[in-house]
Amino acid sequence: KIIGKRKAAVLMAALGRESAADIYRYLTDSEVETITMELAN
């Protein structure tokens, strides 16, 4: 029931800071911004 960007945010939060930072390197600026906003909320 969790779709798109929110599911990605849950995964990034669960993986932890270092793993999430590694994944961020492969994302576009727009994707980084979107997921970061979801993480914040």
PDB file of all heavy atoms in Angstrom:
ATOM      1  N   LYS A   1       0.813  -1.201   0.000  1.00  0.00           N
ATOM      2  CA  LYS A   1       0.000   0.000   0.000  1.00  0.00           C
ATOM      3  C   LYS A   1       0.855   1.263   0.000  1.00  0.00           C
ATOM      4  O   LYS A   1       0.336   2.356  -0.126  1.00  0.00           O
ATOM      5  CB  LYS A   1      -0.926  -0.017   1.216  1.00  0.00           C
ATOM      6  CG  LYS A   1      -1.909  -1.187   1.203  1.00  0.00           C
ATOM      7  CD  LYS A   1      -2.785  -1.164   2.432  1.00  0.00           C
ATOM      8  CE  LYS A   1      -3.748  -2.351   2.427  1.00  0.00           C
ATOM      9  NZ  LYS A   1      -4.606  -2.359   3.630  1.00  0.00           N
ATOM     10  N   ILE A   2       2.154   1.090   0.192  1.00  0.00           N
ATOM     11  CA  ILE A   2       3.066   2.233   0.150  1.00  0.00           C
ATOM     12  C   ILE A   2       3.610   2.318  -1.261  1.00  0.00           C
ATOM     13  O   ILE A   2       4.232   1.375  -1.744  1.00  0.00           O
ATOM     14  CB  ILE A   2       4.240   2.050   1.133  1.00  0.00           C
ATOM     15  CG1 ILE A   2       3.721   1.707   2.521  1.00  0.00           C
ATOM     16  CG2 ILE A   2       5.087   3.298   1.197  1.00  0.00           C
ATOM     17  CD1 ILE A   2       4.812   1.365   3.507  1.00  0.00           C
ATOM     18  N   ILE A   3       3.383   3.399  -1.937  1.00  0.00           N
ATOM     19  CA  ILE A   3       3.785   3.458  -3.332  1.00  0.00           C
ATOM     20  C   ILE A   3       4.951   4.420  -3.537  1.00  0.00           C
ATOM     21  O   ILE A   3       5.160   5.361  -2.777  1.00  0.00           O
ATOM     22  CB  ILE A   3       2.605   3.872  -4.226  1.00  0.00           C
ATOM     23  CG1 ILE A   3       2.087   5.247  -3.817  1.00  0.00           C
ATOM     24  CG2 ILE A   3       1.513   2.822  -4.187  1.00  0.00           C
ATOM     25  CD1 ILE A   3       1.023   5.779  -4.741  1.00  0.00           C
ATOM     26  N   GLY A   4       5.698   4.148  -4.569  1.00  0.00           N
ATOM     27  CA  GLY A   4       6.723   5.041  -5.083  1.00  0.00           C
ATOM     28  C   GLY A   4       7.696   5.607  -4.082  1.00  0.00           C
ATOM     29  O   GLY A   4       8.394   4.894  -3.373  1.00  0.00           O
ATOM     30  N   LYS A   5       7.696   6.937  -4.008  1.00  0.00           N
ATOM     31  CA  LYS A   5       8.720   7.656  -3.257  1.00  0.00           C
ATOM     32  C   LYS A   5       8.683   7.340  -1.764  1.00  0.00           C
ATOM     33  O   LYS A   5       9.721   7.311  -1.108  1.00  0.00           O
ATOM     34  CB  LYS A   5       8.565   9.154  -3.480  1.00  0.00           C
ATOM     35  CG  LYS A   5       7.181   9.713  -3.161  1.00  0.00           C
ATOM     36  CD  LYS A   5       7.058  11.157  -3.600  1.00  0.00           C
ATOM     37  CE  LYS A   5       5.662  11.716  -3.294  1.00  0.00           C
ATOM     38  NZ  LYS A   5       5.539  13.117  -3.763  1.00  0.00           N
ATOM     39  N   ARG A   6       7.496   7.081  -1.202  1.00  0.00           N
ATOM     40  CA  ARG A   6       7.428   6.801   0.234  1.00  0.00           C
ATOM     41  C   ARG A   6       8.054   5.439   0.537  1.00  0.00           C
ATOM     42  O   ARG A   6       8.729   5.274   1.561  1.00  0.00           O
ATOM     43  CB  ARG A   6       5.985   6.844   0.720  1.00  0.00           C
ATOM     44  CG  ARG A   6       5.893   6.757   2.245  1.00  0.00           C
ATOM     45  CD  ARG A   6       4.536   7.210   2.741  1.00  0.00           C
ATOM     46  NE  ARG A   6       4.457   7.194   4.200  1.00  0.00           N
ATOM     47  CZ  ARG A   6       4.951   8.152   4.985  1.00  0.00           C
ATOM     48  NH1 ARG A   6       5.549   9.203   4.453  1.00  0.00           N
ATOM     49  NH2 ARG A   6       4.830   8.078   6.301  1.00  0.00           N
ATOM     50  N   LYS A   7       7.849   4.484  -0.327  1.00  0.00           N
ATOM     51  CA  LYS A   7       8.457   3.174  -0.138  1.00  0.00           C
ATOM     52  C   LYS A   7       9.979   3.298  -0.194  1.00  0.00           C
ATOM     53  O   LYS A   7      10.703   2.685   0.605  1.00  0.00           O
ATOM     54  CB  LYS A   7       7.964   2.197  -1.205  1.00  0.00           C
ATOM     55  CG  LYS A   7       8.468   0.780  -1.013  1.00  0.00           C
ATOM     56  CD  LYS A   7       8.017  -0.132  -2.146  1.00  0.00           C
ATOM     57  CE  LYS A   7       6.518  -0.291  -2.148  1.00  0.00           C
ATOM     58  NZ  LYS A   7       6.078  -1.252  -3.188  1.00  0.00           N
ATOM     59  N   ALA A   8      10.472   4.113  -1.118  1.00  0.00           N
ATOM     60  CA  ALA A   8      11.910   4.334  -1.237  1.00  0.00           C
ATOM     61  C   ALA A   8      12.451   4.990   0.026  1.00  0.00           C
ATOM     62  O   ALA A   8      13.545   4.651   0.507  1.00  0.00           O
ATOM     63  CB  ALA A   8      12.217   5.203  -2.452  1.00  0.00           C
ATOM     64  N   ALA A   9      11.688   5.921   0.576  1.00  0.00           N
ATOM     65  CA  ALA A   9      12.124   6.610   1.789  1.00  0.00           C
ATOM     66  C   ALA A   9      12.201   5.643   2.970  1.00  0.00           C
ATOM     67  O   ALA A   9      13.133   5.694   3.775  1.00  0.00           O
ATOM     68  CB  ALA A   9      11.167   7.753   2.112  1.00  0.00           C
ATOM     69  N   VAL A  10      11.229   4.747   3.096  1.00  0.00           N
ATOM     70  CA  VAL A  10      11.243   3.750   4.165  1.00  0.00           C
ATOM     71  C   VAL A  10      12.473   2.863   4.037  1.00  0.00           C
ATOM     72  O   VAL A  10      13.157   2.564   5.028  1.00  0.00           O
ATOM     73  CB  VAL A  10       9.960   2.890   4.134  1.00  0.00           C
ATOM     74  CG1 VAL A  10      10.077   1.713   5.102  1.00  0.00           C
ATOM     75  CG2 VAL A  10       8.741   3.738   4.474  1.00  0.00           C
ATOM     76  N   LEU A  11      12.761   2.448   2.819  1.00  0.00           N
ATOM     77  CA  LEU A  11      13.925   1.597   2.590  1.00  0.00           C
ATOM     78  C   LEU A  11      15.220   2.319   2.959  1.00  0.00           C
ATOM     79  O   LEU A  11      16.091   1.757   3.625  1.00  0.00           O
ATOM     80  CB  LEU A  11      13.967   1.154   1.128  1.00  0.00           C
ATOM     81  CG  LEU A  11      15.170   0.284   0.743  1.00  0.00           C
ATOM     82  CD1 LEU A  11      15.150  -1.035   1.495  1.00  0.00           C
ATOM     83  CD2 LEU A  11      15.191   0.032  -0.771  1.00  0.00           C
ATOM     84  N   MET A  12      15.361   3.561   2.539  1.00  0.00           N
ATOM     85  CA  MET A  12      16.568   4.330   2.821  1.00  0.00           C
ATOM     86  C   MET A  12      16.751   4.516   4.324  1.00  0.00           C
ATOM     87  O   MET A  12      17.863   4.416   4.858  1.00  0.00           O
ATOM     88  CB  MET A  12      16.504   5.690   2.136  1.00  0.00           C
ATOM     89  CG  MET A  12      16.482   5.612   0.619  1.00  0.00           C
ATOM     90  SD  MET A  12      18.059   5.159  -0.096  1.00  0.00           S
ATOM     91  CE  MET A  12      18.735   6.780  -0.420  1.00  0.00           C
ATOM     92  N   ALA A  13      15.665   4.772   5.026  1.00  0.00           N
ATOM     93  CA  ALA A  13      15.732   4.939   6.477  1.00  0.00           C
ATOM     94  C   ALA A  13      16.148   3.645   7.154  1.00  0.00           C
ATOM     95  O   ALA A  13      16.938   3.647   8.104  1.00  0.00           O
ATOM     96  CB  ALA A  13      14.382   5.410   7.011  1.00  0.00           C
ATOM     97  N   ALA A  14      15.640   2.531   6.648  1.00  0.00           N
ATOM     98  CA  ALA A  14      15.948   1.232   7.240  1.00  0.00           C
ATOM     99  C   ALA A  14      17.391   0.806   6.977  1.00  0.00           C
ATOM    100  O   ALA A  14      18.012   0.154   7.816  1.00  0.00           O
ATOM    101  CB  ALA A  14      14.983   0.181   6.698  1.00  0.00           C
ATOM    102  N   LEU A  15      17.928   1.184   5.848  1.00  0.00           N
ATOM    103  CA  LEU A  15      19.291   0.779   5.484  1.00  0.00           C
ATOM    104  C   LEU A  15      20.350   1.476   6.328  1.00  0.00           C
ATOM    105  O   LEU A  15      21.452   0.965   6.505  1.00  0.00           O
ATOM    106  CB  LEU A  15      19.539   1.063   3.998  1.00  0.00           C
ATOM    107  CG  LEU A  15      18.803   0.165   3.014  1.00  0.00           C
ATOM    108  CD1 LEU A  15      19.054   0.650   1.582  1.00  0.00           C
ATOM    109  CD2 LEU A  15      19.245  -1.284   3.156  1.00  0.00           C
ATOM    110  N   GLY A  16      20.063   2.662   6.793  1.00  0.00           N
ATOM    111  CA  GLY A  16      21.044   3.390   7.584  1.00  0.00           C
ATOM    112  C   GLY A  16      21.791   4.425   6.764  1.00  0.00           C
ATOM    113  O   GLY A  16      21.736   4.436   5.529  1.00  0.00           O
ATOM    114  N   ARG A  17      22.526   5.293   7.472  1.00  0.00           N
ATOM    115  CA  ARG A  17      23.151   6.452   6.840  1.00  0.00           C
ATOM    116  C   ARG A  17      24.165   6.075   5.756  1.00  0.00           C
ATOM    117  O   ARG A  17      24.127   6.600   4.653  1.00  0.00           O
ATOM    118  CB  ARG A  17      23.825   7.307   7.913  1.00  0.00           C
ATOM    119  CG  ARG A  17      24.472   8.566   7.361  1.00  0.00           C
ATOM    120  CD  ARG A  17      25.166   9.345   8.472  1.00  0.00           C
ATOM    121  NE  ARG A  17      24.208   9.730   9.514  1.00  0.00           N
ATOM    122  CZ  ARG A  17      24.565  10.334  10.641  1.00  0.00           C
ATOM    123  NH1 ARG A  17      25.832  10.596  10.889  1.00  0.00           N
ATOM    124  NH2 ARG A  17      23.637  10.680  11.532  1.00  0.00           N
ATOM    125  N   GLU A  18      25.095   5.157   6.056  1.00  0.00           N
ATOM    126  CA  GLU A  18      26.162   4.844   5.099  1.00  0.00           C
ATOM    127  C   GLU A  18      25.628   4.198   3.829  1.00  0.00           C
ATOM    128  O   GLU A  18      26.001   4.580   2.715  1.00  0.00           O
ATOM    129  CB  GLU A  18      27.205   3.934   5.756  1.00  0.00           C
ATOM    130  CG  GLU A  18      28.016   4.624   6.852  1.00  0.00           C
ATOM    131  CD  GLU A  18      29.136   3.741   7.366  1.00  0.00           C
ATOM    132  OE1 GLU A  18      29.336   2.644   6.807  1.00  0.00           O
ATOM    133  OE2 GLU A  18      29.812   4.145   8.332  1.00  0.00           O
ATOM    134  N   SER A  19      24.759   3.209   3.989  1.00  0.00           N
ATOM    135  CA  SER A  19      24.197   2.528   2.809  1.00  0.00           C
ATOM    136  C   SER A  19      23.335   3.477   1.991  1.00  0.00           C
ATOM    137  O   SER A  19      23.363   3.465   0.752  1.00  0.00           O
ATOM    138  CB  SER A  19      23.377   1.309   3.247  1.00  0.00           C
ATOM    139  OG  SER A  19      24.199   0.345   3.868  1.00  0.00           O
ATOM    140  N   ALA A  20      22.568   4.300   2.668  1.00  0.00           N
ATOM    141  CA  ALA A  20      21.716   5.270   1.966  1.00  0.00           C
ATOM    142  C   ALA A  20      22.573   6.255   1.179  1.00  0.00           C
ATOM    143  O   ALA A  20      22.241   6.631   0.046  1.00  0.00           O
ATOM    144  CB  ALA A  20      20.837   6.015   2.964  1.00  0.00           C
ATOM    145  N   ALA A  21      23.693   6.678   1.770  1.00  0.00           N
ATOM    146  CA  ALA A  21      24.590   7.612   1.079  1.00  0.00           C
ATOM    147  C   ALA A  21      25.158   6.982  -0.180  1.00  0.00           C
ATOM    148  O   ALA A  21      25.302   7.646  -1.215  1.00  0.00           O
ATOM    149  CB  ALA A  21      25.719   8.038   2.017  1.00  0.00           C
ATOM    150  N   ASP A  22      25.482   5.694  -0.114  1.00  0.00           N
ATOM    151  CA  ASP A  22      25.996   4.990  -1.302  1.00  0.00           C
ATOM    152  C   ASP A  22      24.948   4.960  -2.410  1.00  0.00           C
ATOM    153  O   ASP A  22      25.259   5.144  -3.591  1.00  0.00           O
ATOM    154  CB  ASP A  22      26.405   3.561  -0.937  1.00  0.00           C
ATOM    155  CG  ASP A  22      27.680   3.514  -0.101  1.00  0.00           C
ATOM    156  OD1 ASP A  22      28.463   4.490  -0.179  1.00  0.00           O
ATOM    157  OD2 ASP A  22      27.891   2.518   0.609  1.00  0.00           O
ATOM    158  N   ILE A  23      23.698   4.727  -2.031  1.00  0.00           N
ATOM    159  CA  ILE A  23      22.624   4.670  -3.022  1.00  0.00           C
ATOM    160  C   ILE A  23      22.381   6.039  -3.635  1.00  0.00           C
ATOM    161  O   ILE A  23      22.119   6.160  -4.841  1.00  0.00           O
ATOM    162  CB  ILE A  23      21.340   4.120  -2.373  1.00  0.00           C
ATOM    163  CG1 ILE A  23      21.538   2.667  -1.960  1.00  0.00           C
ATOM    164  CG2 ILE A  23      20.152   4.243  -3.334  1.00  0.00           C
ATOM    165  CD1 ILE A  23      20.371   2.079  -1.198  1.00  0.00           C
ATOM    166  N   TYR A  24      22.471   7.081  -2.833  1.00  0.00           N
ATOM    167  CA  TYR A  24      22.243   8.439  -3.324  1.00  0.00           C
ATOM    168  C   TYR A  24      23.149   8.769  -4.514  1.00  0.00           C
ATOM    169  O   TYR A  24      22.775   9.552  -5.388  1.00  0.00           O
ATOM    170  CB  TYR A  24      22.495   9.455  -2.207  1.00  0.00           C
ATOM    171  CG  TYR A  24      21.260   9.864  -1.448  1.00  0.00           C
ATOM    172  CD1 TYR A  24      21.303  10.053  -0.071  1.00  0.00           C
ATOM    173  CD2 TYR A  24      20.057  10.080  -2.102  1.00  0.00           C
ATOM    174  CE1 TYR A  24      20.173  10.441   0.640  1.00  0.00           C
ATOM    175  CE2 TYR A  24      18.926  10.465  -1.404  1.00  0.00           C
ATOM    176  CZ  TYR A  24      18.983  10.643  -0.035  1.00  0.00           C
ATOM    177  OH  TYR A  24      17.858  11.018   0.646  1.00  0.00           O
ATOM    178  N   ARG A  25      24.336   8.194  -4.532  1.00  0.00           N
ATOM    179  CA  ARG A  25      25.292   8.496  -5.612  1.00  0.00           C
ATOM    180  C   ARG A  25      24.776   8.075  -6.983  1.00  0.00           C
ATOM    181  O   ARG A  25      25.248   8.556  -8.009  1.00  0.00           O
ATOM    182  CB  ARG A  25      26.636   7.809  -5.343  1.00  0.00           C
ATOM    183  CG  ARG A  25      27.342   8.297  -4.083  1.00  0.00           C
ATOM    184  CD  ARG A  25      28.774   7.772  -4.013  1.00  0.00           C
ATOM    185  NE  ARG A  25      29.415   8.176  -2.780  1.00  0.00           N
ATOM    186  CZ  ARG A  25      29.578   7.396  -1.714  1.00  0.00           C
ATOM    187  NH1 ARG A  25      29.132   6.143  -1.766  1.00  0.00           N
ATOM    188  NH2 ARG A  25      30.177   7.827  -0.629  1.00  0.00           N
ATOM    189  N   TYR A  26      23.838   7.151  -7.008  1.00  0.00           N
ATOM    190  CA  TYR A  26      23.317   6.636  -8.278  1.00  0.00           C
ATOM    191  C   TYR A  26      21.992   7.292  -8.674  1.00  0.00           C
ATOM    192  O   TYR A  26      21.401   6.926  -9.696  1.00  0.00           O
ATOM    193  CB  TYR A  26      23.125   5.115  -8.189  1.00  0.00           C
ATOM    194  CG  TYR A  26      24.406   4.359  -7.976  1.00  0.00           C
ATOM    195  CD1 TYR A  26      24.834   4.031  -6.694  1.00  0.00           C
ATOM    196  CD2 TYR A  26      25.216   3.994  -9.048  1.00  0.00           C
ATOM    197  CE1 TYR A  26      26.016   3.342  -6.485  1.00  0.00           C
ATOM    198  CE2 TYR A  26      26.402   3.311  -8.855  1.00  0.00           C
ATOM    199  CZ  TYR A  26      26.800   2.981  -7.570  1.00  0.00           C
ATOM    200  OH  TYR A  26      27.977   2.302  -7.369  1.00  0.00           O
ATOM    201  N   LEU A  27      21.534   8.251  -7.880  1.00  0.00           N
ATOM    202  CA  LEU A  27      20.260   8.899  -8.154  1.00  0.00           C
ATOM    203  C   LEU A  27      20.459  10.262  -8.805  1.00  0.00           C
ATOM    204  O   LEU A  27      21.492  10.892  -8.646  1.00  0.00           O
ATOM    205  CB  LEU A  27      19.464   9.067  -6.847  1.00  0.00           C
ATOM    206  CG  LEU A  27      19.190   7.804  -6.031  1.00  0.00           C
ATOM    207  CD1 LEU A  27      18.412   8.154  -4.772  1.00  0.00           C
ATOM    208  CD2 LEU A  27      18.422   6.783  -6.862  1.00  0.00           C
ATOM    209  N   THR A  28      19.451  10.697  -9.519  1.00  0.00           N
ATOM    210  CA  THR A  28      19.483  12.038 -10.107  1.00  0.00           C
ATOM    211  C   THR A  28      19.210  13.067  -9.004  1.00  0.00           C
ATOM    212  O   THR A  28      18.720  12.737  -7.919  1.00  0.00           O
ATOM    213  CB  THR A  28      18.425  12.179 -11.203  1.00  0.00           C
ATOM    214  OG1 THR A  28      17.123  12.069 -10.613  1.00  0.00           O
ATOM    215  CG2 THR A  28      18.584  11.094 -12.269  1.00  0.00           C
ATOM    216  N   ASP A  29      19.506  14.323  -9.305  1.00  0.00           N
ATOM    217  CA  ASP A  29      19.250  15.387  -8.337  1.00  0.00           C
ATOM    218  C   ASP A  29      17.781  15.439  -7.945  1.00  0.00           C
ATOM    219  O   ASP A  29      17.430  15.659  -6.781  1.00  0.00           O
ATOM    220  CB  ASP A  29      19.683  16.744  -8.914  1.00  0.00           C
ATOM    221  CG  ASP A  29      21.189  16.841  -9.071  1.00  0.00           C
ATOM    222  OD1 ASP A  29      21.906  16.039  -8.441  1.00  0.00           O
ATOM    223  OD2 ASP A  29      21.651  17.725  -9.820  1.00  0.00           O
ATOM    224  N   SER A  30      16.913  15.239  -8.931  1.00  0.00           N
ATOM    225  CA  SER A  30      15.475  15.276  -8.667  1.00  0.00           C
ATOM    226  C   SER A  30      15.055  14.134  -7.748  1.00  0.00           C
ATOM    227  O   SER A  30      14.244  14.322  -6.829  1.00  0.00           O
ATOM    228  CB  SER A  30      14.705  15.193  -9.988  1.00  0.00           C
ATOM    229  OG  SER A  30      13.316  15.128  -9.764  1.00  0.00           O
ATOM    230  N   GLU A  31      15.610  12.946  -7.982  1.00  0.00           N
ATOM    231  CA  GLU A  31      15.283  11.793  -7.150  1.00  0.00           C
ATOM    232  C   GLU A  31      15.783  11.990  -5.720  1.00  0.00           C
ATOM    233  O   GLU A  31      15.102  11.636  -4.752  1.00  0.00           O
ATOM    234  CB  GLU A  31      15.878  10.529  -7.762  1.00  0.00           C
ATOM    235  CG  GLU A  31      15.182  10.099  -9.046  1.00  0.00           C
ATOM    236  CD  GLU A  31      15.956   9.028  -9.792  1.00  0.00           C
ATOM    237  OE1 GLU A  31      17.178   8.899  -9.565  1.00  0.00           O
ATOM    238  OE2 GLU A  31      15.334   8.337 -10.618  1.00  0.00           O
ATOM    239  N   VAL A  32      16.986  12.530  -5.596  1.00  0.00           N
ATOM    240  CA  VAL A  32      17.539  12.799  -4.267  1.00  0.00           C
ATOM    241  C   VAL A  32      16.645  13.764  -3.505  1.00  0.00           C
ATOM    242  O   VAL A  32      16.326  13.563  -2.323  1.00  0.00           O
ATOM    243  CB  VAL A  32      18.973  13.372  -4.376  1.00  0.00           C
ATOM    244  CG1 VAL A  32      19.442  13.908  -3.017  1.00  0.00           C
ATOM    245  CG2 VAL A  32      19.937  12.308  -4.883  1.00  0.00           C
ATOM    246  N   GLU A  33      16.221  14.818  -4.180  1.00  0.00           N
ATOM    247  CA  GLU A  33      15.367  15.821  -3.547  1.00  0.00           C
ATOM    248  C   GLU A  33      14.033  15.219  -3.112  1.00  0.00           C
ATOM    249  O   GLU A  33      13.545  15.455  -2.003  1.00  0.00           O
ATOM    250  CB  GLU A  33      15.127  16.984  -4.509  1.00  0.00           C
ATOM    251  CG  GLU A  33      14.277  18.094  -3.932  1.00  0.00           C
ATOM    252  CD  GLU A  33      14.075  19.238  -4.909  1.00  0.00           C
ATOM    253  OE1 GLU A  33      14.804  19.288  -5.930  1.00  0.00           O
ATOM    254  OE2 GLU A  33      13.193  20.077  -4.669  1.00  0.00           O
ATOM    255  N   THR A  34      13.440  14.421  -3.982  1.00  0.00           N
ATOM    256  CA  THR A  34      12.140  13.816  -3.683  1.00  0.00           C
ATOM    257  C   THR A  34      12.213  12.873  -2.494  1.00  0.00           C
ATOM    258  O   THR A  34      11.394  12.941  -1.571  1.00  0.00           O
ATOM    259  CB  THR A  34      11.625  13.048  -4.919  1.00  0.00           C
ATOM    260  OG1 THR A  34      11.453  13.948  -6.004  1.00  0.00           O
ATOM    261  CG2 THR A  34      10.296  12.362  -4.618  1.00  0.00           C
ATOM    262  N   ILE A  35      13.233  11.983  -2.507  1.00  0.00           N
ATOM    263  CA  ILE A  35      13.349  11.015  -1.416  1.00  0.00           C
ATOM    264  C   ILE A  35      13.702  11.704  -0.106  1.00  0.00           C
ATOM    265  O   ILE A  35      13.224  11.324   0.970  1.00  0.00           O
ATOM    266  CB  ILE A  35      14.396   9.936  -1.774  1.00  0.00           C
ATOM    267  CG1 ILE A  35      13.890   9.104  -2.965  1.00  0.00           C
ATOM    268  CG2 ILE A  35      14.677   9.029  -0.586  1.00  0.00           C
ATOM    269  CD1 ILE A  35      14.882   8.072  -3.453  1.00  0.00           C
ATOM    270  N   THR A  36      14.539  12.728  -0.175  1.00  0.00           N
ATOM    271  CA  THR A  36      14.918  13.461   1.029  1.00  0.00           C
ATOM    272  C   THR A  36      13.706  14.123   1.670  1.00  0.00           C
ATOM    273  O   THR A  36      13.543  14.122   2.907  1.00  0.00           O
ATOM    274  CB  THR A  36      15.990  14.522   0.705  1.00  0.00           C
ATOM    275  OG1 THR A  36      17.136  13.880   0.142  1.00  0.00           O
ATOM    276  CG2 THR A  36      16.405  15.269   1.957  1.00  0.00           C
ATOM    277  N   MET A  37      12.835  14.684   0.843  1.00  0.00           N
ATOM    278  CA  MET A  37      11.608  15.297   1.366  1.00  0.00           C
ATOM    279  C   MET A  37      10.726  14.247   2.034  1.00  0.00           C
ATOM    280  O   MET A  37      10.133  14.489   3.097  1.00  0.00           O
ATOM    281  CB  MET A  37      10.847  15.992   0.236  1.00  0.00           C
ATOM    282  CG  MET A  37      11.508  17.264  -0.267  1.00  0.00           C
ATOM    283  SD  MET A  37      11.569  18.557   1.007  1.00  0.00           S
ATOM    284  CE  MET A  37       9.822  18.882   1.222  1.00  0.00           C
ATOM    285  N   GLU A  38      10.638  13.077   1.446  1.00  0.00           N
ATOM    286  CA  GLU A  38       9.845  12.002   2.038  1.00  0.00           C
ATOM    287  C   GLU A  38      10.449  11.543   3.361  1.00  0.00           C
ATOM    288  O   GLU A  38       9.730  11.260   4.322  1.00  0.00           O
ATOM    289  CB  GLU A  38       9.754  10.818   1.061  1.00  0.00           C
ATOM    290  CG  GLU A  38       8.782  11.029  -0.071  1.00  0.00           C
ATOM    291  CD  GLU A  38       7.345  11.151   0.427  1.00  0.00           C
ATOM    292  OE1 GLU A  38       6.941  10.376   1.329  1.00  0.00           O
ATOM    293  OE2 GLU A  38       6.619  12.032  -0.069  1.00  0.00           O
ATOM    294  N   LEU A  39      11.778  11.459   3.387  1.00  0.00           N
ATOM    295  CA  LEU A  39      12.452  11.072   4.631  1.00  0.00           C
ATOM    296  C   LEU A  39      12.152  12.072   5.750  1.00  0.00           C
ATOM    297  O   LEU A  39      11.920  11.696   6.899  1.00  0.00           O
ATOM    298  CB  LEU A  39      13.961  10.974   4.397  1.00  0.00           C
ATOM    299  CG  LEU A  39      14.481   9.671   3.783  1.00  0.00           C
ATOM    300  CD1 LEU A  39      15.934   9.829   3.360  1.00  0.00           C
ATOM    301  CD2 LEU A  39      14.342   8.522   4.774  1.00  0.00           C
ATOM    302  N   ALA A  40      12.173  13.344   5.382  1.00  0.00           N
ATOM    303  CA  ALA A  40      11.948  14.390   6.375  1.00  0.00           C
ATOM    304  C   ALA A  40      10.542  14.311   6.957  1.00  0.00           C
ATOM    305  O   ALA A  40      10.317  14.686   8.118  1.00  0.00           O
ATOM    306  CB  ALA A  40      12.179  15.760   5.753  1.00  0.00           C
ATOM    307  N   ASN A  41       9.581  13.830   6.164  1.00  0.00           N
ATOM    308  CA  ASN A  41       8.183  13.769   6.609  1.00  0.00           C
ATOM    309  C   ASN A  41       7.730  12.343   6.929  1.00  0.00           C
ATOM    310  O   ASN A  41       6.526  12.084   7.053  1.00  0.00           O
ATOM    311  CB  ASN A  41       7.268  14.345   5.520  1.00  0.00           C
ATOM    312  CG  ASN A  41       7.549  15.817   5.252  1.00  0.00           C
ATOM    313  OD1 ASN A  41       7.508  16.639   6.151  1.00  0.00           O
ATOM    314  ND2 ASN A  41       7.849  16.142   3.998  1.00  0.00           N
TER     315      ASN A  41
END
